[in-house]
Every structure is written in C-alpha cells, then in structure tokens.
Amino acid sequence: MARLTTSLVAGYNTYGFDESGNFPEIGRINKEDLPGDDFWLGGEVVRKMPEAERKALQTKGVRLYENPQKLLADLAGEFLK
C-alpha cells in the first residue's frame, strides 16, 4: 500500500498488517477519511481480495495491481510527472 499525496503525514498505519495478515487500514478509504485516489495497492493483498472489494475500491479511485513491481514503476512515473 502506498499513498501519493500532498499531505505532510501518511495519515494511516503505514505497516498496516495485523497478526492475521489482513490490512484493516483499507477500510478507512472513503470520502470522509482517506481519499481513494491517493492510494495504490499491490501484491498479495490485491491478489487475495474478493472481486466485490476490488470493484468498490476502484470506484473510490484506488489503483490496484497484482504485480507490486508494476505498481512501483507506475507510482514513480506518476510522481515524476
């Protein structure tokens, strides 16, 4: 999980994983808390994500990648624009 934002602080638990391997911070992504279009998610979290959750996050503007290397390349490109 990465956040590309103008905010001076992350605003969420940047490690984020709990002892069960879940990432509860994802539930905070909404227009009232953390804006979806700031977030880039990739890797196993996305690969294991139910399709309904994927669609809900994409609707909020979150960018999802099964391949974390592709996520980082695209994130760097967006940052360097």
PDB file of N, CA and C in Angstrom:
ATOM      1  N   MET A   1       0.850  -1.161   0.000  1.00  0.00           N
ATOM      2  CA  MET A   1       0.000   0.000   0.000  1.00  0.00           C
ATOM      3  C   MET A   1       0.896   1.222   0.000  1.00  0.00           C
ATOM      4  N   ALA A   2       0.631   2.129  -0.911  1.00  0.00           N
ATOM      5  CA  ALA A   2       1.367   3.384  -0.984  1.00  0.00           C
ATOM      6  C   ALA A   2       0.356   4.513  -1.129  1.00  0.00           C
ATOM      7  N   ARG A   3       0.745   5.670  -0.626  1.00  0.00           N
ATOM      8  CA  ARG A   3      -0.109   6.848  -0.755  1.00  0.00           C
ATOM      9  C   ARG A   3       0.702   7.961  -1.397  1.00  0.00           C
ATOM     10  N   LEU A   4       0.227   8.466  -2.515  1.00  0.00           N
ATOM     11  CA  LEU A   4       0.846   9.596  -3.193  1.00  0.00           C
ATOM     12  C   LEU A   4      -0.053  10.789  -2.934  1.00  0.00           C
ATOM     13  N   THR A   5       0.423  11.706  -2.088  1.00  0.00           N
ATOM     14  CA  THR A   5      -0.410  12.797  -1.609  1.00  0.00           C
ATOM     15  C   THR A   5       0.427  14.037  -1.343  1.00  0.00           C
ATOM     16  N   THR A   6      -0.223  15.163  -1.259  1.00  0.00           N
ATOM     17  CA  THR A   6       0.458  16.390  -0.861  1.00  0.00           C
ATOM     18  C   THR A   6       0.481  16.547   0.656  1.00  0.00           C
ATOM     19  N   SER A   7      -0.179  15.650   1.371  1.00  0.00           N
ATOM     20  CA  SER A   7      -0.197  15.680   2.833  1.00  0.00           C
ATOM     21  C   SER A   7       1.221  15.489   3.370  1.00  0.00           C
ATOM     22  N   LEU A   8       1.528  16.157   4.470  1.00  0.00           N
ATOM     23  CA  LEU A   8       2.850  16.037   5.062  1.00  0.00           C
ATOM     24  C   LEU A   8       2.996  14.795   5.953  1.00  0.00           C
ATOM     25  N   VAL A   9       1.898  14.115   6.224  1.00  0.00           N
ATOM     26  CA  VAL A   9       1.924  12.882   7.021  1.00  0.00           C
ATOM     27  C   VAL A   9       1.151  11.800   6.283  1.00  0.00           C
ATOM     28  N   ALA A  10       1.496  10.542   6.567  1.00  0.00           N
ATOM     29  CA  ALA A  10       0.813   9.430   5.897  1.00  0.00           C
ATOM     30  C   ALA A  10      -0.676   9.406   6.240  1.00  0.00           C
ATOM     31  N   GLY A  11      -1.002   9.588   7.527  1.00  0.00           N
ATOM     32  CA  GLY A  11      -2.406   9.610   7.928  1.00  0.00           C
ATOM     33  C   GLY A  11      -3.013   8.243   8.178  1.00  0.00           C
ATOM     34  N   TYR A  12      -2.198   7.203   8.108  1.00  0.00           N
ATOM     35  CA  TYR A  12      -2.669   5.843   8.360  1.00  0.00           C
ATOM     36  C   TYR A  12      -1.476   5.021   8.843  1.00  0.00           C
ATOM     37  N   ASN A  13      -1.754   3.876   9.407  1.00  0.00           N
ATOM     38  CA  ASN A  13      -0.709   2.971   9.868  1.00  0.00           C
ATOM     39  C   ASN A  13       0.010   2.427   8.642  1.00  0.00           C
ATOM     40  N   THR A  14       1.204   2.880   8.394  1.00  0.00           N
ATOM     41  CA  THR A  14       1.897   2.525   7.155  1.00  0.00           C
ATOM     42  C   THR A  14       2.339   1.065   7.097  1.00  0.00           C
ATOM     43  N   TYR A  15       2.491   0.404   8.245  1.00  0.00           N
ATOM     44  CA  TYR A  15       2.733  -1.042   8.182  1.00  0.00           C
ATOM     45  C   TYR A  15       1.405  -1.720   7.892  1.00  0.00           C
ATOM     46  N   GLY A  16       0.418  -1.459   8.690  1.00  0.00           N
ATOM     47  CA  GLY A  16      -0.950  -1.825   8.389  1.00  0.00           C
ATOM     48  C   GLY A  16      -1.393  -3.256   8.554  1.00  0.00           C
ATOM     49  N   PHE A  17      -0.496  -4.224   8.427  1.00  0.00           N
ATOM     50  CA  PHE A  17      -0.919  -5.616   8.531  1.00  0.00           C
ATOM     51  C   PHE A  17      -1.140  -5.995   9.986  1.00  0.00           C
ATOM     52  N   ASP A  18      -2.194  -6.766  10.241  1.00  0.00           N
ATOM     53  CA  ASP A  18      -2.411  -7.300  11.584  1.00  0.00           C
ATOM     54  C   ASP A  18      -1.817  -8.703  11.665  1.00  0.00           C
ATOM     55  N   GLU A  19      -1.938  -9.342  12.813  1.00  0.00           N
ATOM     56  CA  GLU A  19      -1.321 -10.658  13.010  1.00  0.00           C
ATOM     57  C   GLU A  19      -1.919 -11.754  12.129  1.00  0.00           C
ATOM     58  N   SER A  20      -3.095 -11.500  11.543  1.00  0.00           N
ATOM     59  CA  SER A  20      -3.724 -12.474  10.651  1.00  0.00           C
ATOM     60  C   SER A  20      -3.377 -12.240   9.189  1.00  0.00           C
ATOM     61  N   GLY A  21      -2.581 -11.209   8.922  1.00  0.00           N
ATOM     62  CA  GLY A  21      -2.210 -10.903   7.543  1.00  0.00           C
ATOM     63  C   GLY A  21      -3.192 -10.014   6.817  1.00  0.00           C
ATOM     64  N   ASN A  22      -4.190  -9.502   7.530  1.00  0.00           N
ATOM     65  CA  ASN A  22      -5.157  -8.582   6.926  1.00  0.00           C
ATOM     66  C   ASN A  22      -4.618  -7.156   6.999  1.00  0.00           C
ATOM     67  N   PHE A  23      -5.169  -6.290   6.203  1.00  0.00           N
ATOM     68  CA  PHE A  23      -4.752  -4.893   6.156  1.00  0.00           C
ATOM     69  C   PHE A  23      -5.973  -4.026   6.457  1.00  0.00           C
ATOM     70  N   PRO A  24      -6.334  -3.873   7.754  1.00  0.00           N
ATOM     71  CA  PRO A  24      -7.570  -3.184   8.114  1.00  0.00           C
ATOM     72  C   PRO A  24      -7.622  -1.712   7.691  1.00  0.00           C
ATOM     73  N   GLU A  25      -6.477  -1.085   7.456  1.00  0.00           N
ATOM     74  CA  GLU A  25      -6.467   0.317   7.045  1.00  0.00           C
ATOM     75  C   GLU A  25      -7.208   0.538   5.725  1.00  0.00           C
ATOM     76  N   ILE A  26      -7.327  -0.505   4.914  1.00  0.00           N
ATOM     77  CA  ILE A  26      -8.036  -0.386   3.641  1.00  0.00           C
ATOM     78  C   ILE A  26      -9.475   0.065   3.877  1.00  0.00           C
ATOM     79  N   GLY A  27     -10.069  -0.366   4.978  1.00  0.00           N
ATOM     80  CA  GLY A  27     -11.443   0.014   5.300  1.00  0.00           C
ATOM     81  C   GLY A  27     -11.627   1.493   5.565  1.00  0.00           C
ATOM     82  N   ARG A  28     -10.541   2.214   5.787  1.00  0.00           N
ATOM     83  CA  ARG A  28     -10.617   3.662   6.029  1.00  0.00           C
ATOM     84  C   ARG A  28     -10.681   4.469   4.737  1.00  0.00           C
ATOM     85  N   ILE A  29     -10.502   3.811   3.610  1.00  0.00           N
ATOM     86  CA  ILE A  29     -10.521   4.536   2.342  1.00  0.00           C
ATOM     87  C   ILE A  29     -11.962   4.862   1.975  1.00  0.00           C
ATOM     88  N   ASN A  30     -12.304   6.119   2.107  1.00  0.00           N
ATOM     89  CA  ASN A  30     -13.629   6.636   1.750  1.00  0.00           C
ATOM     90  C   ASN A  30     -13.563   8.156   1.746  1.00  0.00           C
ATOM     91  N   LYS A  31     -14.570   8.803   1.216  1.00  0.00           N
ATOM     92  CA  LYS A  31     -14.528  10.257   1.049  1.00  0.00           C
ATOM     93  C   LYS A  31     -14.507  11.011   2.379  1.00  0.00           C
ATOM     94  N   GLU A  32     -14.856  10.359   3.476  1.00  0.00           N
ATOM     95  CA  GLU A  32     -14.868  11.006   4.786  1.00  0.00           C
ATOM     96  C   GLU A  32     -13.549  10.850   5.542  1.00  0.00           C
ATOM     97  N   ASP A  33     -12.677   9.929   5.104  1.00  0.00           N
ATOM     98  CA  ASP A  33     -11.449   9.660   5.855  1.00  0.00           C
ATOM     99  C   ASP A  33     -10.218   9.770   4.962  1.00  0.00           C
ATOM    100  N   LEU A  34      -9.922   8.747   4.203  1.00  0.00           N
ATOM    101  CA  LEU A  34      -8.753   8.739   3.328  1.00  0.00           C
ATOM    102  C   LEU A  34      -9.210   8.672   1.872  1.00  0.00           C
ATOM    103  N   PRO A  35      -8.845   9.671   1.053  1.00  0.00           N
ATOM    104  CA  PRO A  35      -9.307   9.695  -0.345  1.00  0.00           C
ATOM    105  C   PRO A  35      -8.706   8.570  -1.180  1.00  0.00           C
ATOM    106  N   GLY A  36      -9.564   7.832  -1.850  1.00  0.00           N
ATOM    107  CA  GLY A  36      -9.138   6.668  -2.623  1.00  0.00           C
ATOM    108  C   GLY A  36      -8.145   6.968  -3.719  1.00  0.00           C
ATOM    109  N   ASP A  37      -8.259   8.131  -4.349  1.00  0.00           N
ATOM    110  CA  ASP A  37      -7.367   8.407  -5.472  1.00  0.00           C
ATOM    111  C   ASP A  37      -5.929   8.700  -5.042  1.00  0.00           C
ATOM    112  N   ASP A  38      -5.665   8.753  -3.732  1.00  0.00           N
ATOM    113  CA  ASP A  38      -4.297   8.870  -3.231  1.00  0.00           C
ATOM    114  C   ASP A  38      -3.602   7.515  -3.127  1.00  0.00           C
ATOM    115  N   PHE A  39      -4.364   6.427  -3.185  1.00  0.00           N
ATOM    116  CA  PHE A  39      -3.825   5.121  -2.811  1.00  0.00           C
ATOM    117  C   PHE A  39      -3.548   4.195  -3.978  1.00  0.00           C
ATOM    118  N   TRP A  40      -2.479   3.448  -3.797  1.00  0.00           N
ATOM    119  CA  TRP A  40      -2.003   2.448  -4.738  1.00  0.00           C
ATOM    120  C   TRP A  40      -1.791   1.165  -3.934  1.00  0.00           C
ATOM    121  N   LEU A  41      -2.484   0.108  -4.286  1.00  0.00           N
ATOM    122  CA  LEU A  41      -2.368  -1.174  -3.580  1.00  0.00           C
ATOM    123  C   LEU A  41      -1.865  -2.226  -4.540  1.00  0.00           C
ATOM    124  N   GLY A  42      -0.978  -3.078  -4.031  1.00  0.00           N
ATOM    125  CA  GLY A  42      -0.466  -4.114  -4.900  1.00  0.00           C
ATOM    126  C   GLY A  42       0.021  -5.334  -4.164  1.00  0.00           C
ATOM    127  N   GLY A  43       0.208  -6.387  -4.911  1.00  0.00           N
ATOM    128  CA  GLY A  43       0.753  -7.622  -4.375  1.00  0.00           C
ATOM    129  C   GLY A  43      -0.307  -8.580  -3.878  1.00  0.00           C
ATOM    130  N   GLU A  44       0.067  -9.348  -2.879  1.00  0.00           N
ATOM    131  CA  GLU A  44      -0.786 -10.410  -2.372  1.00  0.00           C
ATOM    132  C   GLU A  44      -2.115  -9.897  -1.832  1.00  0.00           C
ATOM    133  N   VAL A  45      -2.095  -8.709  -1.231  1.00  0.00           N
ATOM    134  CA  VAL A  45      -3.337  -8.127  -0.722  1.00  0.00           C
ATOM    135  C   VAL A  45      -4.364  -8.020  -1.841  1.00  0.00           C
ATOM    136  N   VAL A  46      -3.930  -7.578  -2.993  1.00  0.00           N
ATOM    137  CA  VAL A  46      -4.827  -7.432  -4.138  1.00  0.00           C
ATOM    138  C   VAL A  46      -5.165  -8.790  -4.741  1.00  0.00           C
ATOM    139  N   ARG A  47      -4.182  -9.653  -4.857  1.00  0.00           N
ATOM    140  CA  ARG A  47      -4.430 -10.971  -5.442  1.00  0.00           C
ATOM    141  C   ARG A  47      -5.455 -11.774  -4.648  1.00  0.00           C
ATOM    142  N   LYS A  48      -5.479 -11.612  -3.335  1.00  0.00           N
ATOM    143  CA  LYS A  48      -6.417 -12.350  -2.483  1.00  0.00           C
ATOM    144  C   LYS A  48      -7.733 -11.612  -2.233  1.00  0.00           C
ATOM    145  N   MET A  49      -7.845 -10.416  -2.748  1.00  0.00           N
ATOM    146  CA  MET A  49      -9.021  -9.587  -2.483  1.00  0.00           C
ATOM    147  C   MET A  49     -10.249 -10.089  -3.246  1.00  0.00           C
ATOM    148  N   PRO A  50     -11.389 -10.188  -2.558  1.00  0.00           N
ATOM    149  CA  PRO A  50     -12.622 -10.568  -3.260  1.00  0.00           C
ATOM    150  C   PRO A  50     -12.974  -9.540  -4.344  1.00  0.00           C
ATOM    151  N   GLU A  51     -13.563 -10.027  -5.420  1.00  0.00           N
ATOM    152  CA  GLU A  51     -13.884  -9.170  -6.567  1.00  0.00           C
ATOM    153  C   GLU A  51     -14.763  -7.978  -6.170  1.00  0.00           C
ATOM    154  N   ALA A  52     -15.714  -8.184  -5.282  1.00  0.00           N
ATOM    155  CA  ALA A  52     -16.593  -7.080  -4.863  1.00  0.00           C
ATOM    156  C   ALA A  52     -15.797  -5.981  -4.178  1.00  0.00           C
ATOM    157  N   GLU A  53     -14.810  -6.346  -3.365  1.00  0.00           N
ATOM    158  CA  GLU A  53     -13.977  -5.345  -2.691  1.00  0.00           C
ATOM    159  C   GLU A  53     -13.093  -4.617  -3.696  1.00  0.00           C
ATOM    160  N   ARG A  54     -12.570  -5.349  -4.663  1.00  0.00           N
ATOM    161  CA  ARG A  54     -11.768  -4.715  -5.727  1.00  0.00           C
ATOM    162  C   ARG A  54     -12.572  -3.634  -6.438  1.00  0.00           C
ATOM    163  N   LYS A  55     -13.779  -4.007  -6.856  1.00  0.00           N
ATOM    164  CA  LYS A  55     -14.620  -3.056  -7.589  1.00  0.00           C
ATOM    165  C   LYS A  55     -14.964  -1.850  -6.732  1.00  0.00           C
ATOM    166  N   ALA A  56     -15.262  -2.079  -5.448  1.00  0.00           N
ATOM    167  CA  ALA A  56     -15.596  -0.972  -4.549  1.00  0.00           C
ATOM    168  C   ALA A  56     -14.415  -0.010  -4.408  1.00  0.00           C
ATOM    169  N   LEU A  57     -13.208  -0.553  -4.271  1.00  0.00           N
ATOM    170  CA  LEU A  57     -12.027   0.303  -4.145  1.00  0.00           C
ATOM    171  C   LEU A  57     -11.731   1.042  -5.447  1.00  0.00           C
ATOM    172  N   GLN A  58     -11.868   0.363  -6.567  1.00  0.00           N
ATOM    173  CA  GLN A  58     -11.644   1.024  -7.856  1.00  0.00           C
ATOM    174  C   GLN A  58     -12.639   2.160  -8.060  1.00  0.00           C
ATOM    175  N   THR A  59     -13.862   1.973  -7.617  1.00  0.00           N
ATOM    176  CA  THR A  59     -14.874   3.026  -7.709  1.00  0.00           C
ATOM    177  C   THR A  59     -14.450   4.245  -6.893  1.00  0.00           C
ATOM    178  N   LYS A  60     -13.720   4.021  -5.819  1.00  0.00           N
ATOM    179  CA  LYS A  60     -13.237   5.110  -4.968  1.00  0.00           C
ATOM    180  C   LYS A  60     -11.949   5.737  -5.508  1.00  0.00           C
ATOM    181  N   GLY A  61     -11.430   5.209  -6.605  1.00  0.00           N
ATOM    182  CA  GLY A  61     -10.241   5.773  -7.225  1.00  0.00           C
ATOM    183  C   GLY A  61      -8.936   5.087  -6.870  1.00  0.00           C
ATOM    184  N   VAL A  62      -8.993   4.028  -6.072  1.00  0.00           N
ATOM    185  CA  VAL A  62      -7.783   3.299  -5.687  1.00  0.00           C
ATOM    186  C   VAL A  62      -7.242   2.554  -6.901  1.00  0.00           C
ATOM    187  N   ARG A  63      -5.937   2.603  -7.068  1.00  0.00           N
ATOM    188  CA  ARG A  63      -5.280   1.870  -8.155  1.00  0.00           C
ATOM    189  C   ARG A  63      -4.829   0.520  -7.608  1.00  0.00           C
ATOM    190  N   LEU A  64      -5.228  -0.545  -8.258  1.00  0.00           N
ATOM    191  CA  LEU A  64      -4.941  -1.902  -7.791  1.00  0.00           C
ATOM    192  C   LEU A  64      -4.020  -2.620  -8.770  1.00  0.00           C
ATOM    193  N   TYR A  65      -3.024  -3.291  -8.220  1.00  0.00           N
ATOM    194  CA  TYR A  65      -2.041  -4.021  -9.024  1.00  0.00           C
ATOM    195  C   TYR A  65      -1.797  -5.379  -8.404  1.00  0.00           C
ATOM    196  N   GLU A  66      -1.889  -6.413  -9.184  1.00  0.00           N
ATOM    197  CA  GLU A  66      -1.489  -7.724  -8.689  1.00  0.00           C
ATOM    198  C   GLU A  66       0.033  -7.804  -8.602  1.00  0.00           C
ATOM    199  N   ASN A  67       0.715  -7.096  -9.468  1.00  0.00           N
ATOM    200  CA  ASN A  67       2.169  -7.111  -9.517  1.00  0.00           C
ATOM    201  C   ASN A  67       2.721  -5.857  -8.816  1.00  0.00           C
ATOM    202  N   PRO A  68       3.397  -6.009  -7.664  1.00  0.00           N
ATOM    203  CA  PRO A  68       3.889  -4.838  -6.941  1.00  0.00           C
ATOM    204  C   PRO A  68       5.002  -4.080  -7.683  1.00  0.00           C
ATOM    205  N   GLN A  69       5.776  -4.776  -8.503  1.00  0.00           N
ATOM    206  CA  GLN A  69       6.817  -4.085  -9.268  1.00  0.00           C
ATOM    207  C   GLN A  69       6.187  -3.122 -10.275  1.00  0.00           C
ATOM    208  N   LYS A  70       5.102  -3.542 -10.899  1.00  0.00           N
ATOM    209  CA  LYS A  70       4.381  -2.674 -11.841  1.00  0.00           C
ATOM    210  C   LYS A  70       3.792  -1.482 -11.088  1.00  0.00           C
ATOM    211  N   LEU A  71       3.251  -1.725  -9.901  1.00  0.00           N
ATOM    212  CA  LEU A  71       2.722  -0.637  -9.081  1.00  0.00           C
ATOM    213  C   LEU A  71       3.812   0.402  -8.827  1.00  0.00           C
ATOM    214  N   LEU A  72       4.980  -0.044  -8.374  1.00  0.00           N
ATOM    215  CA  LEU A  72       6.054   0.896  -8.056  1.00  0.00           C
ATOM    216  C   LEU A  72       6.538   1.659  -9.289  1.00  0.00           C
ATOM    217  N   ALA A  73       6.597   1.006 -10.424  1.00  0.00           N
ATOM    218  CA  ALA A  73       7.012   1.684 -11.654  1.00  0.00           C
ATOM    219  C   ALA A  73       5.987   2.752 -12.040  1.00  0.00           C
ATOM    220  N   ASP A  74       4.719   2.414 -11.983  1.00  0.00           N
ATOM    221  CA  ASP A  74       3.666   3.366 -12.335  1.00  0.00           C
ATOM    222  C   ASP A  74       3.593   4.510 -11.314  1.00  0.00           C
ATOM    223  N   LEU A  75       3.766   4.190 -10.044  1.00  0.00           N
ATOM    224  CA  LEU A  75       3.748   5.204  -8.983  1.00  0.00           C
ATOM    225  C   LEU A  75       4.899   6.185  -9.186  1.00  0.00           C
ATOM    226  N   ALA A  76       6.089   5.671  -9.496  1.00  0.00           N
ATOM    227  CA  ALA A  76       7.230   6.549  -9.752  1.00  0.00           C
ATOM    228  C   ALA A  76       6.961   7.444 -10.951  1.00  0.00           C
ATOM    229  N   GLY A  77       6.377   6.875 -11.996  1.00  0.00           N
ATOM    230  CA  GLY A  77       6.047   7.676 -13.169  1.00  0.00           C
ATOM    231  C   GLY A  77       5.059   8.783 -12.852  1.00  0.00           C
ATOM    232  N   GLU A  78       4.070   8.482 -12.050  1.00  0.00           N
ATOM    233  CA  GLU A  78       3.083   9.486 -11.644  1.00  0.00           C
ATOM    234  C   GLU A  78       3.735  10.575 -10.792  1.00  0.00           C
ATOM    235  N   PHE A  79       4.600  10.181  -9.892  1.00  0.00           N
ATOM    236  CA  PHE A  79       5.295  11.124  -9.019  1.00  0.00           C
ATOM    237  C   PHE A  79       6.178  12.062  -9.830  1.00  0.00           C
ATOM    238  N   LEU A  80       6.830  11.536 -10.839  1.00  0.00           N
ATOM    239  CA  LEU A  80       7.808  12.326 -11.611  1.00  0.00           C
ATOM    240  C   LEU A  80       7.181  13.149 -12.746  1.00  0.00           C
ATOM    241  N   LYS A  81       5.893  13.112 -12.891  1.00  0.00           N
ATOM    242  CA  LYS A  81       5.226  13.898 -13.947  1.00  0.00           C
ATOM    243  C   LYS A  81       5.502  15.378 -13.768  1.00  0.00           C
TER     244      LYS A  81
END
